[in-house]
Amino acid sequence: MNKLLSVLDKASCGFSFVFNSYLIYLILTKSPKEFGVYKYFLVFTSVFEIAYSMLEAYLAPIHYSFGTTDLVLISTSHKTFSRFTLLVLNSIYWGFYGSTLSIYAVHFIYRYLTVCKNHLIHIFNSWKFWLWLTIPLMVGIFWCFIGFYLCEPNSETEKLSKKYIFETFGEHIEHFVYLGGTVYTILKDGTIILHWKIVIGVMLMSLSIIVSFSIILFCGIKCYHSIEIMMQTSSMVSSKARSLQSQLYYALVFQIIIPTVLLNVPLAVFFVLTLLNRGPGEYSAYLSLLISLYPVIDPLPNFFIISAYRKAAFGCFKWNRQLSDVNQVPPNSKNLVAPANISIK
């Protein structure tokens, strides 16, 4: 499974780099002027996904859960960095993972203020725009802190995990660095011992996700109703503007569905199984497979939904097809043209 994940992560990184790089080119060269500063949010998201996929390709992280224990394992084999550096990179990976939703929360805030014509939209049209981009950075640092300080390695977790890791991967725990831990242990007499650092870490991560989702849901619902009203009643807004707002909204909806399905729902399931003392063991590797697909799939809705990018991306294929049709001569055509140098009497 380690080798499969490593290959998949590298392939995902390659496709993510191609898709997102081309999307950045389209954003900077083909975006309608109505996009305004929003195109820089789109560029920021694509750069984020490229960086995310590159880190994931190098680390090949394994999400592993058993009993009441959740771990993110990084194999030290074929890694040039020290164990401590890999531990820091693991925490940075947690930061990337945790800041994903906050990026889309900022997207939805901007779309809400734009579509609803809220007076606060002016804060995006000044130097304060850059402050909004620091929100995902702050959330990422927050998750790094949770991973590095609240879910740091300890002897108790290593002792508990040693047997399970060897049975699943055929390698000793010393061949990995990890972040995570055991939420609680059950003694022989049935007494439950909570591990408060891990519990607090889980609570803080859950709070971060809930806050981001709440912002997304609130702004998303408001945007939807405003767009519906705009489509039905507004005669002051051009059809182009209405269509553009609708495209941006639905592209954003699909882009939030993708990380929700590939990142957050599996993680929530794992948390629940861990709390129920039902960690899936070797089957938890499927979470790593799902997560690796995120930076590849996430940029695709922009290509298909936003017309300016769709026309630019697929225009070359349409042009080639038309050229092929012009040059192709039907084999049994009756509409043959006589050569110019032959006179017909």
C-alpha atoms as a PDB file:
ATOM      1  CA  MET A   1       0.000   0.000   0.000  1.00  0.00           C
ATOM      2  CA  ASN A   2       2.907   2.366   0.728  1.00  0.00           C
ATOM      3  CA  LYS A   3       4.230   2.025  -2.822  1.00  0.00           C
ATOM      4  CA  LEU A   4       0.760   2.403  -4.338  1.00  0.00           C
ATOM      5  CA  LEU A   5       0.136   5.587  -2.346  1.00  0.00           C
ATOM      6  CA  SER A   6       3.530   6.974  -3.318  1.00  0.00           C
ATOM      7  CA  VAL A   7       2.882   6.355  -7.027  1.00  0.00           C
ATOM      8  CA  LEU A   8      -0.641   7.775  -6.809  1.00  0.00           C
ATOM      9  CA  ASP A   9       0.533  10.874  -4.927  1.00  0.00           C
ATOM     10  CA  LYS A  10       3.210  11.560  -7.549  1.00  0.00           C
ATOM     11  CA  ALA A  11       0.765  11.041 -10.420  1.00  0.00           C
ATOM     12  CA  SER A  12      -1.733  13.290  -8.667  1.00  0.00           C
ATOM     13  CA  CYS A  13       0.942  15.950  -8.248  1.00  0.00           C
ATOM     14  CA  GLY A  14       1.767  15.833 -11.959  1.00  0.00           C
ATOM     15  CA  PHE A  15      -1.841  16.186 -13.087  1.00  0.00           C
ATOM     16  CA  SER A  16      -2.524  18.842 -10.463  1.00  0.00           C
ATOM     17  CA  PHE A  17       0.442  20.885 -11.661  1.00  0.00           C
ATOM     18  CA  VAL A  18      -0.715  20.695 -15.286  1.00  0.00           C
ATOM     19  CA  PHE A  19      -4.387  21.458 -14.586  1.00  0.00           C
ATOM     20  CA  ASN A  20      -3.784  24.243 -12.102  1.00  0.00           C
ATOM     21  CA  SER A  21      -0.973  25.862 -14.105  1.00  0.00           C
ATOM     22  CA  TYR A  22      -3.185  25.988 -17.188  1.00  0.00           C
ATOM     23  CA  LEU A  23      -6.050  27.298 -15.085  1.00  0.00           C
ATOM     24  CA  ILE A  24      -3.811  30.081 -13.737  1.00  0.00           C
ATOM     25  CA  TYR A  25      -2.945  31.013 -17.318  1.00  0.00           C
ATOM     26  CA  LEU A  26      -6.637  31.141 -18.244  1.00  0.00           C
ATOM     27  CA  ILE A  27      -7.495  33.167 -15.147  1.00  0.00           C
ATOM     28  CA  LEU A  28      -4.835  35.779 -15.872  1.00  0.00           C
ATOM     29  CA  THR A  29      -5.464  36.031 -19.624  1.00  0.00           C
ATOM     30  CA  LYS A  30      -9.108  35.075 -20.257  1.00  0.00           C
ATOM     31  CA  SER A  31     -11.014  36.336 -17.224  1.00  0.00           C
ATOM     32  CA  PRO A  32     -13.753  38.890 -17.981  1.00  0.00           C
ATOM     33  CA  LYS A  33     -13.099  42.307 -16.475  1.00  0.00           C
ATOM     34  CA  GLU A  34     -16.187  41.793 -14.286  1.00  0.00           C
ATOM     35  CA  PHE A  35     -14.160  39.311 -12.221  1.00  0.00           C
ATOM     36  CA  GLY A  36     -12.239  42.161 -10.628  1.00  0.00           C
ATOM     37  CA  VAL A  37     -10.072  41.039  -7.716  1.00  0.00           C
ATOM     38  CA  TYR A  38     -11.865  37.695  -7.580  1.00  0.00           C
ATOM     39  CA  LYS A  39      -9.492  36.313 -10.185  1.00  0.00           C
ATOM     40  CA  TYR A  40      -6.690  36.675  -7.641  1.00  0.00           C
ATOM     41  CA  PHE A  41      -8.645  34.464  -5.247  1.00  0.00           C
ATOM     42  CA  LEU A  42      -8.817  31.878  -8.023  1.00  0.00           C
ATOM     43  CA  VAL A  43      -5.073  32.145  -8.664  1.00  0.00           C
ATOM     44  CA  PHE A  44      -4.371  31.838  -4.938  1.00  0.00           C
ATOM     45  CA  THR A  45      -6.468  28.658  -4.775  1.00  0.00           C
ATOM     46  CA  SER A  46      -4.645  27.080  -7.725  1.00  0.00           C
ATOM     47  CA  VAL A  47      -1.220  27.934  -6.277  1.00  0.00           C
ATOM     48  CA  PHE A  48      -2.358  26.460  -2.955  1.00  0.00           C
ATOM     49  CA  GLU A  49      -3.404  23.206  -4.643  1.00  0.00           C
ATOM     50  CA  ILE A  50      -0.100  22.926  -6.513  1.00  0.00           C
ATOM     51  CA  ALA A  51       1.859  23.391  -3.273  1.00  0.00           C
ATOM     52  CA  TYR A  52      -0.451  20.960  -1.467  1.00  0.00           C
ATOM     53  CA  SER A  53       0.032  18.268  -4.115  1.00  0.00           C
ATOM     54  CA  MET A  54       3.820  18.728  -4.173  1.00  0.00           C
ATOM     55  CA  LEU A  55       4.069  18.309  -0.405  1.00  0.00           C
ATOM     56  CA  GLU A  56       1.782  15.294  -0.537  1.00  0.00           C
ATOM     57  CA  ALA A  57       3.829  13.743  -3.364  1.00  0.00           C
ATOM     58  CA  TYR A  58       7.011  14.024  -1.311  1.00  0.00           C
ATOM     59  CA  LEU A  59       5.609  12.870   2.023  1.00  0.00           C
ATOM     60  CA  ALA A  60       3.122  10.227   0.745  1.00  0.00           C
ATOM     61  CA  PRO A  61       1.190  10.506   4.055  1.00  0.00           C
ATOM     62  CA  ILE A  62      -0.753   7.499   5.302  1.00  0.00           C
ATOM     63  CA  HIS A  63      -3.878   8.094   7.370  1.00  0.00           C
ATOM     64  CA  TYR A  64      -4.063   5.142   9.719  1.00  0.00           C
ATOM     65  CA  SER A  65      -6.636   4.398  12.397  1.00  0.00           C
ATOM     66  CA  PHE A  66      -7.186   1.491  14.755  1.00  0.00           C
ATOM     67  CA  GLY A  67      -9.230   1.192  17.925  1.00  0.00           C
ATOM     68  CA  THR A  68      -9.302   4.663  19.465  1.00  0.00           C
ATOM     69  CA  THR A  69      -6.096   5.821  17.773  1.00  0.00           C
ATOM     70  CA  ASP A  70      -5.699   8.063  14.705  1.00  0.00           C
ATOM     71  CA  LEU A  71      -2.291   8.638  13.114  1.00  0.00           C
ATOM     72  CA  VAL A  72      -0.823  10.328  10.056  1.00  0.00           C
ATOM     73  CA  LEU A  73       2.255   8.285   9.176  1.00  0.00           C
ATOM     74  CA  ILE A  74       5.215   9.363   7.042  1.00  0.00           C
ATOM     75  CA  SER A  75       7.657   6.677   5.959  1.00  0.00           C
ATOM     76  CA  THR A  76      11.297   7.673   6.482  1.00  0.00           C
ATOM     77  CA  SER A  77      12.484   5.380   3.676  1.00  0.00           C
ATOM     78  CA  HIS A  78      14.061   7.204   0.723  1.00  0.00           C
ATOM     79  CA  LYS A  79      13.621  10.563   2.451  1.00  0.00           C
ATOM     80  CA  THR A  80      16.564  12.963   2.510  1.00  0.00           C
ATOM     81  CA  PHE A  81      15.377  15.013   5.492  1.00  0.00           C
ATOM     82  CA  SER A  82      15.881  14.203   9.165  1.00  0.00           C
ATOM     83  CA  ARG A  83      13.105  12.742  11.303  1.00  0.00           C
ATOM     84  CA  PHE A  84      12.521  16.091  12.982  1.00  0.00           C
ATOM     85  CA  THR A  85      12.211  17.879   9.630  1.00  0.00           C
ATOM     86  CA  LEU A  86       9.772  15.223   8.421  1.00  0.00           C
ATOM     87  CA  LEU A  87       7.779  15.773  11.595  1.00  0.00           C
ATOM     88  CA  VAL A  88       7.628  19.504  10.851  1.00  0.00           C
ATOM     89  CA  LEU A  89       6.597  18.778   7.250  1.00  0.00           C
ATOM     90  CA  ASN A  90       3.912  16.447   8.572  1.00  0.00           C
ATOM     91  CA  SER A  91       2.522  19.285  10.689  1.00  0.00           C
ATOM     92  CA  ILE A  92       2.629  21.589   7.643  1.00  0.00           C
ATOM     93  CA  TYR A  93       0.674  18.935   5.760  1.00  0.00           C
ATOM     94  CA  TRP A  94      -1.916  19.126   8.549  1.00  0.00           C
ATOM     95  CA  GLY A  95      -1.960  22.879   7.985  1.00  0.00           C
ATOM     96  CA  PHE A  96      -2.676  22.473   4.271  1.00  0.00           C
ATOM     97  CA  TYR A  97      -5.377  19.939   5.006  1.00  0.00           C
ATOM     98  CA  GLY A  98      -7.041  22.117   7.619  1.00  0.00           C
ATOM     99  CA  SER A  99      -6.943  25.383   5.677  1.00  0.00           C
ATOM    100  CA  THR A 100      -8.720  23.974   2.606  1.00  0.00           C
ATOM    101  CA  LEU A 101     -12.222  24.820   3.795  1.00  0.00           C
ATOM    102  CA  SER A 102     -11.185  28.260   5.016  1.00  0.00           C
ATOM    103  CA  ILE A 103     -10.104  29.166   1.478  1.00  0.00           C
ATOM    104  CA  TYR A 104     -13.587  28.454   0.185  1.00  0.00           C
ATOM    105  CA  ALA A 105     -15.127  30.248   3.147  1.00  0.00           C
ATOM    106  CA  VAL A 106     -13.319  33.408   1.982  1.00  0.00           C
ATOM    107  CA  HIS A 107     -14.492  32.722  -1.592  1.00  0.00           C
ATOM    108  CA  PHE A 108     -18.099  32.499  -0.423  1.00  0.00           C
ATOM    109  CA  ILE A 109     -17.811  35.678   1.652  1.00  0.00           C
ATOM    110  CA  TYR A 110     -16.648  37.571  -1.424  1.00  0.00           C
ATOM    111  CA  ARG A 111     -19.368  36.092  -3.641  1.00  0.00           C
ATOM    112  CA  TYR A 112     -21.998  36.899  -1.002  1.00  0.00           C
ATOM    113  CA  LEU A 113     -20.900  40.534  -0.719  1.00  0.00           C
ATOM    114  CA  THR A 114     -20.723  40.881  -4.509  1.00  0.00           C
ATOM    115  CA  VAL A 115     -24.026  39.255  -5.426  1.00  0.00           C
ATOM    116  CA  CYS A 116     -25.940  40.884  -2.573  1.00  0.00           C
ATOM    117  CA  LYS A 117     -24.261  44.247  -3.291  1.00  0.00           C
ATOM    118  CA  ASN A 118     -23.324  44.586   0.348  1.00  0.00           C
ATOM    119  CA  HIS A 119     -21.574  47.837   1.237  1.00  0.00           C
ATOM    120  CA  LEU A 120     -18.730  45.860   2.833  1.00  0.00           C
ATOM    121  CA  ILE A 121     -17.536  44.779  -0.616  1.00  0.00           C
ATOM    122  CA  HIS A 122     -15.274  47.846  -0.639  1.00  0.00           C
ATOM    123  CA  ILE A 123     -12.925  46.109   1.802  1.00  0.00           C
ATOM    124  CA  PHE A 124     -11.962  43.761  -1.033  1.00  0.00           C
ATOM    125  CA  ASN A 125     -11.196  46.626  -3.400  1.00  0.00           C
ATOM    126  CA  SER A 126      -8.275  48.066  -1.466  1.00  0.00           C
ATOM    127  CA  TRP A 127      -5.024  46.908   0.078  1.00  0.00           C
ATOM    128  CA  LYS A 128      -7.142  45.099   2.673  1.00  0.00           C
ATOM    129  CA  PHE A 129      -7.819  42.482  -0.002  1.00  0.00           C
ATOM    130  CA  TRP A 130      -4.478  40.889   0.847  1.00  0.00           C
ATOM    131  CA  LEU A 131      -5.497  40.537   4.476  1.00  0.00           C
ATOM    132  CA  TRP A 132      -8.258  38.153   3.408  1.00  0.00           C
ATOM    133  CA  LEU A 133      -5.643  35.854   1.891  1.00  0.00           C
ATOM    134  CA  THR A 134      -3.961  35.612   5.291  1.00  0.00           C
ATOM    135  CA  ILE A 135      -7.053  33.951   6.791  1.00  0.00           C
ATOM    136  CA  PRO A 136      -6.287  30.515   5.264  1.00  0.00           C
ATOM    137  CA  LEU A 137      -2.657  31.033   6.304  1.00  0.00           C
ATOM    138  CA  MET A 138      -3.686  31.660   9.917  1.00  0.00           C
ATOM    139  CA  VAL A 139      -5.991  28.631   9.897  1.00  0.00           C
ATOM    140  CA  GLY A 140      -3.162  26.537   8.454  1.00  0.00           C
ATOM    141  CA  ILE A 141      -0.781  27.667  11.211  1.00  0.00           C
ATOM    142  CA  PHE A 142      -3.496  26.831  13.733  1.00  0.00           C
ATOM    143  CA  TRP A 143      -3.695  23.256  12.393  1.00  0.00           C
ATOM    144  CA  CYS A 144       0.116  23.015  12.358  1.00  0.00           C
ATOM    145  CA  PHE A 145       0.082  23.912  16.043  1.00  0.00           C
ATOM    146  CA  ILE A 146      -2.560  21.273  16.766  1.00  0.00           C
ATOM    147  CA  GLY A 147      -0.556  18.598  14.990  1.00  0.00           C
ATOM    148  CA  PHE A 148       2.888  19.491  16.291  1.00  0.00           C
ATOM    149  CA  TYR A 149       2.080  20.278  19.923  1.00  0.00           C
ATOM    150  CA  LEU A 150      -1.196  18.566  20.801  1.00  0.00           C
ATOM    151  CA  CYS A 151      -0.756  15.436  18.682  1.00  0.00           C
ATOM    152  CA  GLU A 152       2.989  14.979  19.003  1.00  0.00           C
ATOM    153  CA  PRO A 153       4.578  11.511  19.277  1.00  0.00           C
ATOM    154  CA  ASN A 154       4.845   9.923  22.704  1.00  0.00           C
ATOM    155  CA  SER A 155       6.016   6.621  24.132  1.00  0.00           C
ATOM    156  CA  GLU A 156       2.513   5.446  25.037  1.00  0.00           C
ATOM    157  CA  THR A 157       1.232   5.865  21.468  1.00  0.00           C
ATOM    158  CA  GLU A 158       4.318   4.148  20.054  1.00  0.00           C
ATOM    159  CA  LYS A 159       3.916   1.209  22.423  1.00  0.00           C
ATOM    160  CA  LEU A 160       0.240   0.854  21.566  1.00  0.00           C
ATOM    161  CA  SER A 161       0.720   1.251  17.800  1.00  0.00           C
ATOM    162  CA  LYS A 162       3.797  -0.922  17.308  1.00  0.00           C
ATOM    163  CA  LYS A 163       1.946  -4.216  16.814  1.00  0.00           C
ATOM    164  CA  TYR A 164      -0.795  -2.809  14.560  1.00  0.00           C
ATOM    165  CA  ILE A 165       1.620  -0.965  12.278  1.00  0.00           C
ATOM    166  CA  PHE A 166       3.812  -4.035  11.842  1.00  0.00           C
ATOM    167  CA  GLU A 167       0.805  -6.254  11.095  1.00  0.00           C
ATOM    168  CA  THR A 168      -0.566  -3.799   8.539  1.00  0.00           C
ATOM    169  CA  PHE A 169       2.575  -2.528   6.800  1.00  0.00           C
ATOM    170  CA  GLY A 170       5.172  -5.168   7.648  1.00  0.00           C
ATOM    171  CA  GLU A 171       7.458  -2.449   9.002  1.00  0.00           C
ATOM    172  CA  HIS A 172       8.455  -1.332  12.468  1.00  0.00           C
ATOM    173  CA  ILE A 173       7.119   1.950  13.810  1.00  0.00           C
ATOM    174  CA  GLU A 174      10.697   3.255  13.924  1.00  0.00           C
ATOM    175  CA  HIS A 175      10.532   3.444  10.108  1.00  0.00           C
ATOM    176  CA  PHE A 176       7.835   6.108  10.360  1.00  0.00           C
ATOM    177  CA  VAL A 177       7.323   9.525  11.851  1.00  0.00           C
ATOM    178  CA  TYR A 178       3.789  10.291  12.883  1.00  0.00           C
ATOM    179  CA  LEU A 179       1.407  12.829  14.358  1.00  0.00           C
ATOM    180  CA  GLY A 180      -1.792  11.854  16.100  1.00  0.00           C
ATOM    181  CA  GLY A 181      -2.590   9.743  19.103  1.00  0.00           C
ATOM    182  CA  THR A 182      -5.086   7.840  21.179  1.00  0.00           C
ATOM    183  CA  VAL A 183      -8.292   9.602  22.164  1.00  0.00           C
ATOM    184  CA  TYR A 184      -8.936   7.334  25.137  1.00  0.00           C
ATOM    185  CA  THR A 185      -7.963   3.957  26.544  1.00  0.00           C
ATOM    186  CA  ILE A 186     -10.158   1.418  28.293  1.00  0.00           C
ATOM    187  CA  LEU A 187      -8.649  -0.358  31.279  1.00  0.00           C
ATOM    188  CA  LYS A 188      -9.379  -3.994  32.120  1.00  0.00           C
ATOM    189  CA  ASP A 189     -11.907  -2.946  34.749  1.00  0.00           C
ATOM    190  CA  GLY A 190     -13.788  -0.858  32.152  1.00  0.00           C
ATOM    191  CA  THR A 191     -12.466   2.500  33.313  1.00  0.00           C
ATOM    192  CA  ILE A 192     -12.068   5.026  30.476  1.00  0.00           C
ATOM    193  CA  ILE A 193      -8.980   7.224  30.547  1.00  0.00           C
ATOM    194  CA  LEU A 194      -9.236  10.314  28.340  1.00  0.00           C
ATOM    195  CA  HIS A 195      -6.069  11.654  26.724  1.00  0.00           C
ATOM    196  CA  TRP A 196      -6.860  15.320  27.006  1.00  0.00           C
ATOM    197  CA  LYS A 197      -4.268  16.712  24.610  1.00  0.00           C
ATOM    198  CA  ILE A 198      -5.672  14.573  21.794  1.00  0.00           C
ATOM    199  CA  VAL A 199      -9.261  15.292  22.848  1.00  0.00           C
ATOM    200  CA  ILE A 200      -8.588  19.043  22.793  1.00  0.00           C
ATOM    201  CA  GLY A 201      -6.891  18.679  19.408  1.00  0.00           C
ATOM    202  CA  VAL A 202      -9.896  16.852  17.958  1.00  0.00           C
ATOM    203  CA  MET A 203     -12.255  19.453  19.418  1.00  0.00           C
ATOM    204  CA  LEU A 204     -10.250  22.348  17.946  1.00  0.00           C
ATOM    205  CA  MET A 205     -10.080  20.707  14.516  1.00  0.00           C
ATOM    206  CA  SER A 206     -13.811  20.031  14.610  1.00  0.00           C
ATOM    207  CA  LEU A 207     -14.482  23.642  15.652  1.00  0.00           C
ATOM    208  CA  SER A 208     -12.397  24.938  12.745  1.00  0.00           C
ATOM    209  CA  ILE A 209     -14.319  22.789  10.260  1.00  0.00           C
ATOM    210  CA  ILE A 210     -17.708  23.731  11.748  1.00  0.00           C
ATOM    211  CA  VAL A 211     -16.941  27.476  11.593  1.00  0.00           C
ATOM    212  CA  SER A 212     -15.824  27.247   7.952  1.00  0.00           C
ATOM    213  CA  PHE A 213     -18.862  25.164   6.994  1.00  0.00           C
ATOM    214  CA  SER A 214     -21.198  27.559   8.784  1.00  0.00           C
ATOM    215  CA  ILE A 215     -19.794  30.522   6.845  1.00  0.00           C
ATOM    216  CA  ILE A 216     -20.030  28.588   3.576  1.00  0.00           C
ATOM    217  CA  LEU A 217     -23.624  27.519   4.199  1.00  0.00           C
ATOM    218  CA  PHE A 218     -24.774  30.980   5.284  1.00  0.00           C
ATOM    219  CA  CYS A 219     -23.139  32.820   2.389  1.00  0.00           C
ATOM    220  CA  GLY A 220     -24.001  30.061  -0.081  1.00  0.00           C
ATOM    221  CA  ILE A 221     -27.717  30.138   0.724  1.00  0.00           C
ATOM    222  CA  LYS A 222     -27.778  33.940   0.619  1.00  0.00           C
ATOM    223  CA  CYS A 223     -26.006  33.920  -2.748  1.00  0.00           C
ATOM    224  CA  TYR A 224     -28.385  31.340  -4.180  1.00  0.00           C
ATOM    225  CA  HIS A 225     -31.481  33.332  -3.228  1.00  0.00           C
ATOM    226  CA  SER A 226     -29.970  36.567  -4.540  1.00  0.00           C
ATOM    227  CA  ILE A 227     -29.047  34.968  -7.863  1.00  0.00           C
ATOM    228  CA  GLU A 228     -32.542  33.479  -8.202  1.00  0.00           C
ATOM    229  CA  ILE A 229     -34.107  36.890  -7.590  1.00  0.00           C
ATOM    230  CA  MET A 230     -31.669  38.485 -10.030  1.00  0.00           C
ATOM    231  CA  MET A 231     -32.566  35.968 -12.733  1.00  0.00           C
ATOM    232  CA  GLN A 232     -36.304  36.440 -12.331  1.00  0.00           C
ATOM    233  CA  THR A 233     -36.861  40.107 -11.573  1.00  0.00           C
ATOM    234  CA  SER A 234     -33.860  42.259 -12.361  1.00  0.00           C
ATOM    235  CA  SER A 235     -34.052  44.282 -15.565  1.00  0.00           C
ATOM    236  CA  MET A 236     -31.182  46.563 -14.586  1.00  0.00           C
ATOM    237  CA  VAL A 237     -28.570  43.801 -14.762  1.00  0.00           C
ATOM    238  CA  SER A 238     -27.418  42.564 -18.160  1.00  0.00           C
ATOM    239  CA  SER A 239     -27.908  38.933 -19.123  1.00  0.00           C
ATOM    240  CA  LYS A 240     -24.122  38.593 -19.354  1.00  0.00           C
ATOM    241  CA  ALA A 241     -23.669  39.752 -15.756  1.00  0.00           C
ATOM    242  CA  ARG A 242     -26.418  37.453 -14.509  1.00  0.00           C
ATOM    243  CA  SER A 243     -24.924  34.511 -16.381  1.00  0.00           C
ATOM    244  CA  LEU A 244     -21.454  35.277 -15.040  1.00  0.00           C
ATOM    245  CA  GLN A 245     -22.622  35.433 -11.421  1.00  0.00           C
ATOM    246  CA  SER A 246     -24.457  32.144 -11.879  1.00  0.00           C
ATOM    247  CA  GLN A 247     -21.388  30.459 -13.405  1.00  0.00           C
ATOM    248  CA  LEU A 248     -19.104  31.612 -10.600  1.00  0.00           C
ATOM    249  CA  TYR A 249     -21.576  30.487  -7.970  1.00  0.00           C
ATOM    250  CA  TYR A 250     -22.068  26.979  -9.345  1.00  0.00           C
ATOM    251  CA  ALA A 251     -18.361  26.521 -10.009  1.00  0.00           C
ATOM    252  CA  LEU A 252     -17.746  27.427  -6.373  1.00  0.00           C
ATOM    253  CA  VAL A 253     -20.465  25.033  -5.195  1.00  0.00           C
ATOM    254  CA  PHE A 254     -18.851  22.147  -7.070  1.00  0.00           C
ATOM    255  CA  GLN A 255     -15.442  23.135  -5.770  1.00  0.00           C
ATOM    256  CA  ILE A 256     -16.673  22.948  -2.178  1.00  0.00           C
ATOM    257  CA  ILE A 257     -18.410  19.612  -2.786  1.00  0.00           C
ATOM    258  CA  ILE A 258     -15.129  18.050  -3.938  1.00  0.00           C
ATOM    259  CA  PRO A 259     -13.048  18.679  -0.764  1.00  0.00           C
ATOM    260  CA  THR A 260     -16.088  17.908   1.365  1.00  0.00           C
ATOM    261  CA  VAL A 261     -16.469  14.475  -0.228  1.00  0.00           C
ATOM    262  CA  LEU A 262     -12.758  13.699  -0.563  1.00  0.00           C
ATOM    263  CA  LEU A 263     -11.423  15.277   2.640  1.00  0.00           C
ATOM    264  CA  ASN A 264     -13.962  16.173   5.292  1.00  0.00           C
ATOM    265  CA  VAL A 265     -16.568  13.403   5.123  1.00  0.00           C
ATOM    266  CA  PRO A 266     -13.956  10.595   5.332  1.00  0.00           C
ATOM    267  CA  LEU A 267     -12.216  12.407   8.190  1.00  0.00           C
ATOM    268  CA  ALA A 268     -15.521  12.803  10.036  1.00  0.00           C
ATOM    269  CA  VAL A 269     -16.239   9.090   9.565  1.00  0.00           C
ATOM    270  CA  PHE A 270     -12.810   8.260  10.964  1.00  0.00           C
ATOM    271  CA  PHE A 271     -13.357  10.486  13.987  1.00  0.00           C
ATOM    272  CA  VAL A 272     -16.686   8.803  14.696  1.00  0.00           C
ATOM    273  CA  LEU A 273     -15.219   5.303  14.293  1.00  0.00           C
ATOM    274  CA  THR A 274     -12.344   6.247  16.579  1.00  0.00           C
ATOM    275  CA  LEU A 275     -14.696   7.558  19.251  1.00  0.00           C
ATOM    276  CA  LEU A 276     -16.622   4.273  18.980  1.00  0.00           C
ATOM    277  CA  ASN A 277     -13.386   2.275  19.352  1.00  0.00           C
ATOM    278  CA  ARG A 278     -13.858   0.952  15.803  1.00  0.00           C
ATOM    279  CA  GLY A 279     -10.848   2.320  13.920  1.00  0.00           C
ATOM    280  CA  PRO A 280     -10.841   0.601  10.490  1.00  0.00           C
ATOM    281  CA  GLY A 281      -7.224  -0.570  10.602  1.00  0.00           C
ATOM    282  CA  GLU A 282      -5.838  -1.531   7.182  1.00  0.00           C
ATOM    283  CA  TYR A 283      -8.950  -0.176   5.456  1.00  0.00           C
ATOM    284  CA  SER A 284      -8.055   3.319   6.615  1.00  0.00           C
ATOM    285  CA  ALA A 285      -5.574   3.513   3.734  1.00  0.00           C
ATOM    286  CA  TYR A 286      -8.529   4.230   1.447  1.00  0.00           C
ATOM    287  CA  LEU A 287      -8.789   7.650   3.095  1.00  0.00           C
ATOM    288  CA  SER A 288      -5.280   8.415   1.865  1.00  0.00           C
ATOM    289  CA  LEU A 289      -6.308   7.363  -1.646  1.00  0.00           C
ATOM    290  CA  LEU A 290      -9.295   9.720  -1.591  1.00  0.00           C
ATOM    291  CA  ILE A 291      -7.274  12.633  -0.239  1.00  0.00           C
ATOM    292  CA  SER A 292      -4.659  12.281  -2.982  1.00  0.00           C
ATOM    293  CA  LEU A 293      -7.343  12.886  -5.639  1.00  0.00           C
ATOM    294  CA  TYR A 294      -8.398  16.272  -4.264  1.00  0.00           C
ATOM    295  CA  PRO A 295      -5.840  18.607  -5.937  1.00  0.00           C
ATOM    296  CA  VAL A 296      -6.431  16.905  -9.305  1.00  0.00           C
ATOM    297  CA  ILE A 297     -10.232  17.018  -9.360  1.00  0.00           C
ATOM    298  CA  ASP A 298     -10.828  20.345  -7.619  1.00  0.00           C
ATOM    299  CA  PRO A 299      -9.811  22.705 -10.488  1.00  0.00           C
ATOM    300  CA  LEU A 300     -11.937  20.868 -13.079  1.00  0.00           C
ATOM    301  CA  PRO A 301     -15.296  22.610 -12.391  1.00  0.00           C
ATOM    302  CA  ASN A 302     -13.762  25.914 -13.476  1.00  0.00           C
ATOM    303  CA  PHE A 303     -12.934  24.463 -16.894  1.00  0.00           C
ATOM    304  CA  PHE A 304     -16.450  23.156 -17.486  1.00  0.00           C
ATOM    305  CA  ILE A 305     -18.702  25.749 -15.817  1.00  0.00           C
ATOM    306  CA  ILE A 306     -17.098  29.164 -16.376  1.00  0.00           C
ATOM    307  CA  SER A 307     -17.740  29.873 -20.059  1.00  0.00           C
ATOM    308  CA  ALA A 308     -14.682  32.087 -20.632  1.00  0.00           C
ATOM    309  CA  TYR A 309     -12.370  29.296 -19.493  1.00  0.00           C
ATOM    310  CA  ARG A 310     -14.391  26.553 -21.178  1.00  0.00           C
ATOM    311  CA  LYS A 311     -14.261  28.272 -24.561  1.00  0.00           C
ATOM    312  CA  ALA A 312     -10.531  28.923 -24.246  1.00  0.00           C
ATOM    313  CA  ALA A 313      -9.717  25.422 -22.979  1.00  0.00           C
ATOM    314  CA  PHE A 314     -11.773  23.506 -25.516  1.00  0.00           C
ATOM    315  CA  GLY A 315     -11.618  25.991 -28.384  1.00  0.00           C
ATOM    316  CA  CYS A 316      -8.450  24.461 -29.777  1.00  0.00           C
ATOM    317  CA  PHE A 317     -10.110  21.036 -29.982  1.00  0.00           C
ATOM    318  CA  LYS A 318     -13.109  22.536 -31.771  1.00  0.00           C
ATOM    319  CA  TRP A 319     -10.819  24.361 -34.220  1.00  0.00           C
ATOM    320  CA  ASN A 320      -8.906  21.162 -34.978  1.00  0.00           C
ATOM    321  CA  ARG A 321     -12.140  19.268 -35.547  1.00  0.00           C
ATOM    322  CA  GLN A 322     -13.452  21.923 -37.941  1.00  0.00           C
ATOM    323  CA  LEU A 323     -10.169  21.933 -39.828  1.00  0.00           C
ATOM    324  CA  SER A 324     -10.339  18.160 -40.125  1.00  0.00           C
ATOM    325  CA  ASP A 325     -13.910  18.350 -41.448  1.00  0.00           C
ATOM    326  CA  VAL A 326     -12.919  20.877 -44.119  1.00  0.00           C
ATOM    327  CA  ASN A 327      -9.980  18.818 -45.316  1.00  0.00           C
ATOM    328  CA  GLN A 328     -11.843  15.541 -45.363  1.00  0.00           C
ATOM    329  CA  VAL A 329     -13.286  14.555 -48.780  1.00  0.00           C
ATOM    330  CA  PRO A 330     -16.283  12.199 -48.730  1.00  0.00           C
ATOM    331  CA  PRO A 331     -15.436   9.024 -50.660  1.00  0.00           C
ATOM    332  CA  ASN A 332     -18.670   8.838 -52.712  1.00  0.00           C
ATOM    333  CA  SER A 333     -19.471  12.525 -53.022  1.00  0.00           C
ATOM    334  CA  LYS A 334     -21.530  13.543 -56.051  1.00  0.00           C
ATOM    335  CA  ASN A 335     -20.544  17.189 -55.746  1.00  0.00           C
ATOM    336  CA  LEU A 336     -17.190  16.838 -57.458  1.00  0.00           C
ATOM    337  CA  VAL A 337     -15.592  19.976 -58.867  1.00  0.00           C
ATOM    338  CA  ALA A 338     -14.015  19.778 -62.323  1.00  0.00           C
ATOM    339  CA  PRO A 339     -10.336  20.674 -62.435  1.00  0.00           C
ATOM    340  CA  ALA A 340      -9.774  24.269 -63.464  1.00  0.00           C
ATOM    341  CA  ASN A 341      -7.521  23.409 -66.425  1.00  0.00           C
ATOM    342  CA  ILE A 342     -10.132  21.249 -68.191  1.00  0.00           C
ATOM    343  CA  SER A 343     -12.647  22.942 -70.435  1.00  0.00           C
ATOM    344  CA  ILE A 344     -16.056  21.350 -70.551  1.00  0.00           C
ATOM    345  CA  LYS A 345     -17.952  21.737 -73.802  1.00  0.00           C
END
